[in-house]
Amino acid sequence: MVKNARLLAKFEDEQLRKERLSYAQALKIFEAMWKEAVKLGVLPLKDPLEGIETDIELARVLNSCSKSL
């Protein structure tokens, strides 16, 4: 359980600044994550357009909010 979220966020930010991945390393991680998702049955999507209306509406609302700032 995380007791100090700010401390954890600071730690994660520092780690990201220190760690630089090459393209090959990043691709290897991506491929491993993709394979795990396939094994779990999450990917590929059965219907890629399922929920697209919700995504479009959310994007419309968020885009209108950023323009009003």
PDB file of N, CA and C in Angstrom:
ATOM      1  N   MET A   1       0.843  -1.182   0.000  1.00  0.00           N
ATOM      2  CA  MET A   1       0.000   0.000   0.000  1.00  0.00           C
ATOM      3  C   MET A   1       0.885   1.240   0.000  1.00  0.00           C
ATOM      4  N   VAL A   2       0.553   2.182  -0.840  1.00  0.00           N
ATOM      5  CA  VAL A   2       1.320   3.417  -0.936  1.00  0.00           C
ATOM      6  C   VAL A   2       0.828   4.376   0.142  1.00  0.00           C
ATOM      7  N   LYS A   3       1.765   4.816   0.988  1.00  0.00           N
ATOM      8  CA  LYS A   3       1.390   5.730   2.060  1.00  0.00           C
ATOM      9  C   LYS A   3       1.681   7.175   1.698  1.00  0.00           C
ATOM     10  N   ASN A   4       2.668   7.387   0.829  1.00  0.00           N
ATOM     11  CA  ASN A   4       3.022   8.748   0.444  1.00  0.00           C
ATOM     12  C   ASN A   4       3.087   8.810  -1.079  1.00  0.00           C
ATOM     13  N   ALA A   5       1.976   9.200  -1.684  1.00  0.00           N
ATOM     14  CA  ALA A   5       1.872   9.213  -3.145  1.00  0.00           C
ATOM     15  C   ALA A   5       2.832  10.219  -3.768  1.00  0.00           C
ATOM     16  N   ARG A   6       3.053  11.346  -3.111  1.00  0.00           N
ATOM     17  CA  ARG A   6       3.972  12.348  -3.659  1.00  0.00           C
ATOM     18  C   ARG A   6       5.395  11.813  -3.712  1.00  0.00           C
ATOM     19  N   LEU A   7       5.801  11.116  -2.671  1.00  0.00           N
ATOM     20  CA  LEU A   7       7.139  10.537  -2.632  1.00  0.00           C
ATOM     21  C   LEU A   7       7.303   9.489  -3.731  1.00  0.00           C
ATOM     22  N   LEU A   8       6.289   8.676  -3.930  1.00  0.00           N
ATOM     23  CA  LEU A   8       6.322   7.670  -4.985  1.00  0.00           C
ATOM     24  C   LEU A   8       6.394   8.331  -6.359  1.00  0.00           C
ATOM     25  N   ALA A   9       5.603   9.366  -6.570  1.00  0.00           N
ATOM     26  CA  ALA A   9       5.620  10.075  -7.861  1.00  0.00           C
ATOM     27  C   ALA A   9       6.986  10.696  -8.108  1.00  0.00           C
ATOM     28  N   LYS A  10       7.579  11.267  -7.076  1.00  0.00           N
ATOM     29  CA  LYS A  10       8.911  11.863  -7.214  1.00  0.00           C
ATOM     30  C   LYS A  10       9.935  10.793  -7.580  1.00  0.00           C
ATOM     31  N   PHE A  11       9.851   9.643  -6.905  1.00  0.00           N
ATOM     32  CA  PHE A  11      10.756   8.526  -7.195  1.00  0.00           C
ATOM     33  C   PHE A  11      10.594   8.064  -8.638  1.00  0.00           C
ATOM     34  N   GLU A  12       9.355   7.903  -9.078  1.00  0.00           N
ATOM     35  CA  GLU A  12       9.103   7.450 -10.448  1.00  0.00           C
ATOM     36  C   GLU A  12       9.631   8.452 -11.468  1.00  0.00           C
ATOM     37  N   ASP A  13       9.438   9.744 -11.203  1.00  0.00           N
ATOM     38  CA  ASP A  13       9.950  10.777 -12.116  1.00  0.00           C
ATOM     39  C   ASP A  13      11.469  10.723 -12.212  1.00  0.00           C
ATOM     40  N   GLU A  14      12.127  10.543 -11.073  1.00  0.00           N
ATOM     41  CA  GLU A  14      13.588  10.455 -11.068  1.00  0.00           C
ATOM     42  C   GLU A  14      14.070   9.226 -11.841  1.00  0.00           C
ATOM     43  N   GLN A  15      13.376   8.117 -11.664  1.00  0.00           N
ATOM     44  CA  GLN A  15      13.753   6.893 -12.372  1.00  0.00           C
ATOM     45  C   GLN A  15      13.604   7.073 -13.879  1.00  0.00           C
ATOM     46  N   LEU A  16      12.526   7.726 -14.292  1.00  0.00           N
ATOM     47  CA  LEU A  16      12.312   7.952 -15.721  1.00  0.00           C
ATOM     48  C   LEU A  16      13.393   8.849 -16.307  1.00  0.00           C
ATOM     49  N   ARG A  17      13.841   9.835 -15.546  1.00  0.00           N
ATOM     50  CA  ARG A  17      14.901  10.718 -16.036  1.00  0.00           C
ATOM     51  C   ARG A  17      16.223   9.980 -16.168  1.00  0.00           C
ATOM     52  N   LYS A  18      16.487   9.053 -15.245  1.00  0.00           N
ATOM     53  CA  LYS A  18      17.755   8.325 -15.240  1.00  0.00           C
ATOM     54  C   LYS A  18      17.787   7.240 -16.317  1.00  0.00           C
ATOM     55  N   GLU A  19      16.662   6.603 -16.533  1.00  0.00           N
ATOM     56  CA  GLU A  19      16.607   5.434 -17.404  1.00  0.00           C
ATOM     57  C   GLU A  19      16.317   5.842 -18.849  1.00  0.00           C
ATOM     58  N   ARG A  20      17.232   5.527 -19.723  1.00  0.00           N
ATOM     59  CA  ARG A  20      17.040   5.791 -21.151  1.00  0.00           C
ATOM     60  C   ARG A  20      17.076   4.462 -21.886  1.00  0.00           C
ATOM     61  N   LEU A  21      16.000   4.178 -22.584  1.00  0.00           N
ATOM     62  CA  LEU A  21      15.917   2.928 -23.330  1.00  0.00           C
ATOM     63  C   LEU A  21      16.266   3.172 -24.787  1.00  0.00           C
ATOM     64  N   SER A  22      16.963   2.222 -25.344  1.00  0.00           N
ATOM     65  CA  SER A  22      17.197   2.281 -26.783  1.00  0.00           C
ATOM     66  C   SER A  22      15.907   1.835 -27.481  1.00  0.00           C
ATOM     67  N   TYR A  23      15.859   2.068 -28.775  1.00  0.00           N
ATOM     68  CA  TYR A  23      14.692   1.633 -29.540  1.00  0.00           C
ATOM     69  C   TYR A  23      14.511   0.124 -29.425  1.00  0.00           C
ATOM     70  N   ALA A  24      15.614  -0.611 -29.504  1.00  0.00           N
ATOM     71  CA  ALA A  24      15.551  -2.076 -29.437  1.00  0.00           C
ATOM     72  C   ALA A  24      15.018  -2.542 -28.078  1.00  0.00           C
ATOM     73  N   GLN A  25      15.458  -1.894 -27.003  1.00  0.00           N
ATOM     74  CA  GLN A  25      14.982  -2.266 -25.663  1.00  0.00           C
ATOM     75  C   GLN A  25      13.483  -1.970 -25.528  1.00  0.00           C
ATOM     76  N   ALA A  26      13.076  -0.795 -25.998  1.00  0.00           N
ATOM     77  CA  ALA A  26      11.669  -0.423 -25.913  1.00  0.00           C
ATOM     78  C   ALA A  26      10.805  -1.381 -26.737  1.00  0.00           C
ATOM     79  N   LEU A  27      11.287  -1.758 -27.906  1.00  0.00           N
ATOM     80  CA  LEU A  27      10.552  -2.680 -28.757  1.00  0.00           C
ATOM     81  C   LEU A  27      10.425  -4.055 -28.102  1.00  0.00           C
ATOM     82  N   LYS A  28      11.485  -4.500 -27.461  1.00  0.00           N
ATOM     83  CA  LYS A  28      11.462  -5.792 -26.765  1.00  0.00           C
ATOM     84  C   LYS A  28      10.424  -5.785 -25.639  1.00  0.00           C
ATOM     85  N   ILE A  29      10.354  -4.687 -24.884  1.00  0.00           N
ATOM     86  CA  ILE A  29       9.361  -4.563 -23.809  1.00  0.00           C
ATOM     87  C   ILE A  29       7.956  -4.552 -24.392  1.00  0.00           C
ATOM     88  N   PHE A  30       7.761  -3.775 -25.467  1.00  0.00           N
ATOM     89  CA  PHE A  30       6.449  -3.705 -26.109  1.00  0.00           C
ATOM     90  C   PHE A  30       6.002  -5.079 -26.590  1.00  0.00           C
ATOM     91  N   GLU A  31       6.912  -5.808 -27.237  1.00  0.00           N
ATOM     92  CA  GLU A  31       6.562  -7.137 -27.752  1.00  0.00           C
ATOM     93  C   GLU A  31       6.198  -8.086 -26.622  1.00  0.00           C
ATOM     94  N   ALA A  32       6.908  -8.015 -25.505  1.00  0.00           N
ATOM     95  CA  ALA A  32       6.613  -8.874 -24.359  1.00  0.00           C
ATOM     96  C   ALA A  32       5.238  -8.540 -23.783  1.00  0.00           C
ATOM     97  N   MET A  33       4.926  -7.247 -23.697  1.00  0.00           N
ATOM     98  CA  MET A  33       3.616  -6.835 -23.183  1.00  0.00           C
ATOM     99  C   MET A  33       2.507  -7.274 -24.128  1.00  0.00           C
ATOM    100  N   TRP A  34       2.757  -7.164 -25.435  1.00  0.00           N
ATOM    101  CA  TRP A  34       1.755  -7.584 -26.423  1.00  0.00           C
ATOM    102  C   TRP A  34       1.485  -9.087 -26.291  1.00  0.00           C
ATOM    103  N   LYS A  35       2.548  -9.884 -26.188  1.00  0.00           N
ATOM    104  CA  LYS A  35       2.385 -11.336 -26.057  1.00  0.00           C
ATOM    105  C   LYS A  35       1.619 -11.694 -24.794  1.00  0.00           C
ATOM    106  N   GLU A  36       1.899 -10.997 -23.699  1.00  0.00           N
ATOM    107  CA  GLU A  36       1.178 -11.256 -22.456  1.00  0.00           C
ATOM    108  C   GLU A  36      -0.300 -10.923 -22.606  1.00  0.00           C
ATOM    109  N   ALA A  37      -0.609  -9.813 -23.265  1.00  0.00           N
ATOM    110  CA  ALA A  37      -2.001  -9.432 -23.480  1.00  0.00           C
ATOM    111  C   ALA A  37      -2.721 -10.455 -24.345  1.00  0.00           C
ATOM    112  N   VAL A  38      -2.036 -10.998 -25.344  1.00  0.00           N
ATOM    113  CA  VAL A  38      -2.636 -12.033 -26.194  1.00  0.00           C
ATOM    114  C   VAL A  38      -2.907 -13.293 -25.371  1.00  0.00           C
ATOM    115  N   LYS A  39      -1.955 -13.680 -24.535  1.00  0.00           N
ATOM    116  CA  LYS A  39      -2.148 -14.863 -23.685  1.00  0.00           C
ATOM    117  C   LYS A  39      -3.301 -14.685 -22.708  1.00  0.00           C
ATOM    118  N   LEU A  40      -3.479 -13.449 -22.224  1.00  0.00           N
ATOM    119  CA  LEU A  40      -4.572 -13.165 -21.294  1.00  0.00           C
ATOM    120  C   LEU A  40      -5.916 -13.033 -21.999  1.00  0.00           C
ATOM    121  N   GLY A  41      -5.893 -12.967 -23.336  1.00  0.00           N
ATOM    122  CA  GLY A  41      -7.123 -12.869 -24.105  1.00  0.00           C
ATOM    123  C   GLY A  41      -7.637 -11.447 -24.258  1.00  0.00           C
ATOM    124  N   VAL A  42      -6.819 -10.467 -23.885  1.00  0.00           N
ATOM    125  CA  VAL A  42      -7.233  -9.070 -23.989  1.00  0.00           C
ATOM    126  C   VAL A  42      -7.045  -8.561 -25.412  1.00  0.00           C
ATOM    127  N   LEU A  43      -6.029  -9.025 -26.090  1.00  0.00           N
ATOM    128  CA  LEU A  43      -5.729  -8.641 -27.463  1.00  0.00           C
ATOM    129  C   LEU A  43      -5.711  -9.881 -28.330  1.00  0.00           C
ATOM    130  N   PRO A  44      -6.038  -9.791 -29.584  1.00  0.00           N
ATOM    131  CA  PRO A  44      -6.605  -8.654 -30.298  1.00  0.00           C
ATOM    132  C   PRO A  44      -8.061  -8.444 -29.895  1.00  0.00           C
ATOM    133  N   LEU A  45      -8.526  -7.233 -30.092  1.00  0.00           N
ATOM    134  CA  LEU A  45      -9.898  -6.899 -29.734  1.00  0.00           C
ATOM    135  C   LEU A  45     -10.872  -7.639 -30.635  1.00  0.00           C
ATOM    136  N   LYS A  46     -11.948  -8.114 -30.036  1.00  0.00           N
ATOM    137  CA  LYS A  46     -12.964  -8.816 -30.831  1.00  0.00           C
ATOM    138  C   LYS A  46     -13.698  -7.844 -31.745  1.00  0.00           C
ATOM    139  N   ASP A  47     -14.003  -6.668 -31.221  1.00  0.00           N
ATOM    140  CA  ASP A  47     -14.653  -5.623 -32.013  1.00  0.00           C
ATOM    141  C   ASP A  47     -13.927  -4.309 -31.740  1.00  0.00           C
ATOM    142  N   PRO A  48     -12.983  -3.940 -32.594  1.00  0.00           N
ATOM    143  CA  PRO A  48     -12.173  -2.743 -32.348  1.00  0.00           C
ATOM    144  C   PRO A  48     -12.979  -1.444 -32.260  1.00  0.00           C
ATOM    145  N   LEU A  49     -14.154  -1.421 -32.851  1.00  0.00           N
ATOM    146  CA  LEU A  49     -14.957  -0.200 -32.836  1.00  0.00           C
ATOM    147  C   LEU A  49     -15.941  -0.142 -31.665  1.00  0.00           C
ATOM    148  N   GLU A  50     -15.942  -1.168 -30.825  1.00  0.00           N
ATOM    149  CA  GLU A  50     -16.839  -1.173 -29.678  1.00  0.00           C
ATOM    150  C   GLU A  50     -16.489  -0.008 -28.747  1.00  0.00           C
ATOM    151  N   GLY A  51     -17.466   0.790 -28.426  1.00  0.00           N
ATOM    152  CA  GLY A  51     -17.265   1.920 -27.530  1.00  0.00           C
ATOM    153  C   GLY A  51     -16.696   3.157 -28.192  1.00  0.00           C
ATOM    154  N   ILE A  52     -16.609   3.166 -29.514  1.00  0.00           N
ATOM    155  CA  ILE A  52     -16.018   4.304 -30.222  1.00  0.00           C
ATOM    156  C   ILE A  52     -16.833   5.578 -30.014  1.00  0.00           C
ATOM    157  N   GLU A  53     -18.162   5.436 -29.892  1.00  0.00           N
ATOM    158  CA  GLU A  53     -18.995   6.609 -29.674  1.00  0.00           C
ATOM    159  C   GLU A  53     -18.626   7.307 -28.372  1.00  0.00           C
ATOM    160  N   THR A  54     -18.381   6.533 -27.336  1.00  0.00           N
ATOM    161  CA  THR A  54     -17.984   7.090 -26.045  1.00  0.00           C
ATOM    162  C   THR A  54     -16.636   7.789 -26.149  1.00  0.00           C
ATOM    163  N   ASP A  55     -15.703   7.183 -26.846  1.00  0.00           N
ATOM    164  CA  ASP A  55     -14.376   7.784 -27.017  1.00  0.00           C
ATOM    165  C   ASP A  55     -14.469   9.111 -27.773  1.00  0.00           C
ATOM    166  N   ILE A  56     -15.291   9.150 -28.804  1.00  0.00           N
ATOM    167  CA  ILE A  56     -15.448  10.374 -29.595  1.00  0.00           C
ATOM    168  C   ILE A  56     -16.076  11.470 -28.745  1.00  0.00           C
ATOM    169  N   GLU A  57     -17.091  11.122 -27.978  1.00  0.00           N
ATOM    170  CA  GLU A  57     -17.750  12.111 -27.124  1.00  0.00           C
ATOM    171  C   GLU A  57     -16.792  12.637 -26.062  1.00  0.00           C
ATOM    172  N   LEU A  58     -16.020  11.765 -25.463  1.00  0.00           N
ATOM    173  CA  LEU A  58     -15.037  12.176 -24.459  1.00  0.00           C
ATOM    174  C   LEU A  58     -13.996  13.109 -25.079  1.00  0.00           C
ATOM    175  N   ALA A  59     -13.519  12.771 -26.258  1.00  0.00           N
ATOM    176  CA  ALA A  59     -12.543  13.620 -26.949  1.00  0.00           C
ATOM    177  C   ALA A  59     -13.147  14.985 -27.253  1.00  0.00           C
ATOM    178  N   ARG A  60     -14.409  15.012 -27.677  1.00  0.00           N
ATOM    179  CA  ARG A  60     -15.071  16.282 -27.982  1.00  0.00           C
ATOM    180  C   ARG A  60     -15.153  17.155 -26.733  1.00  0.00           C
ATOM    181  N   VAL A  61     -15.538  16.564 -25.613  1.00  0.00           N
ATOM    182  CA  VAL A  61     -15.667  17.319 -24.354  1.00  0.00           C
ATOM    183  C   VAL A  61     -14.294  17.822 -23.902  1.00  0.00           C
ATOM    184  N   LEU A  62     -13.296  16.958 -23.937  1.00  0.00           N
ATOM    185  CA  LEU A  62     -11.958  17.366 -23.502  1.00  0.00           C
ATOM    186  C   LEU A  62     -11.379  18.450 -24.396  1.00  0.00           C
ATOM    187  N   ASN A  63     -11.585  18.331 -25.688  1.00  0.00           N
ATOM    188  CA  ASN A  63     -11.103  19.358 -26.608  1.00  0.00           C
ATOM    189  C   ASN A  63     -11.780  20.699 -26.377  1.00  0.00           C
ATOM    190  N   SER A  64     -13.055  20.687 -26.066  1.00  0.00           N
ATOM    191  CA  SER A  64     -13.747  21.950 -25.806  1.00  0.00           C
ATOM    192  C   SER A  64     -13.274  22.560 -24.488  1.00  0.00           C
ATOM    193  N   CYS A  65     -12.913  21.745 -23.519  1.00  0.00           N
ATOM    194  CA  CYS A  65     -12.412  22.256 -22.238  1.00  0.00           C
ATOM    195  C   CYS A  65     -11.055  22.934 -22.416  1.00  0.00           C
ATOM    196  N   SER A  66     -10.178  22.357 -23.198  1.00  0.00           N
ATOM    197  CA  SER A  66      -8.844  22.930 -23.372  1.00  0.00           C
ATOM    198  C   SER A  66      -8.897  24.261 -24.117  1.00  0.00           C
ATOM    199  N   LYS A  67      -9.898  24.470 -24.948  1.00  0.00           N
ATOM    200  CA  LYS A  67     -10.032  25.729 -25.684  1.00  0.00           C
ATOM    201  C   LYS A  67     -10.529  26.847 -24.793  1.00  0.00           C
ATOM    202  N   SER A  68     -11.218  26.506 -23.706  1.00  0.00           N
ATOM    203  CA  SER A  68     -11.801  27.533 -22.849  1.00  0.00           C
ATOM    204  C   SER A  68     -10.801  28.054 -21.819  1.00  0.00           C
ATOM    205  N   LEU A  69      -9.600  27.473 -21.754  1.00  0.00           N
ATOM    206  CA  LEU A  69      -8.608  27.926 -20.762  1.00  0.00           C
ATOM    207  C   LEU A  69      -7.854  29.127 -21.185  1.00  0.00           C
TER     208      LEU A  69
END
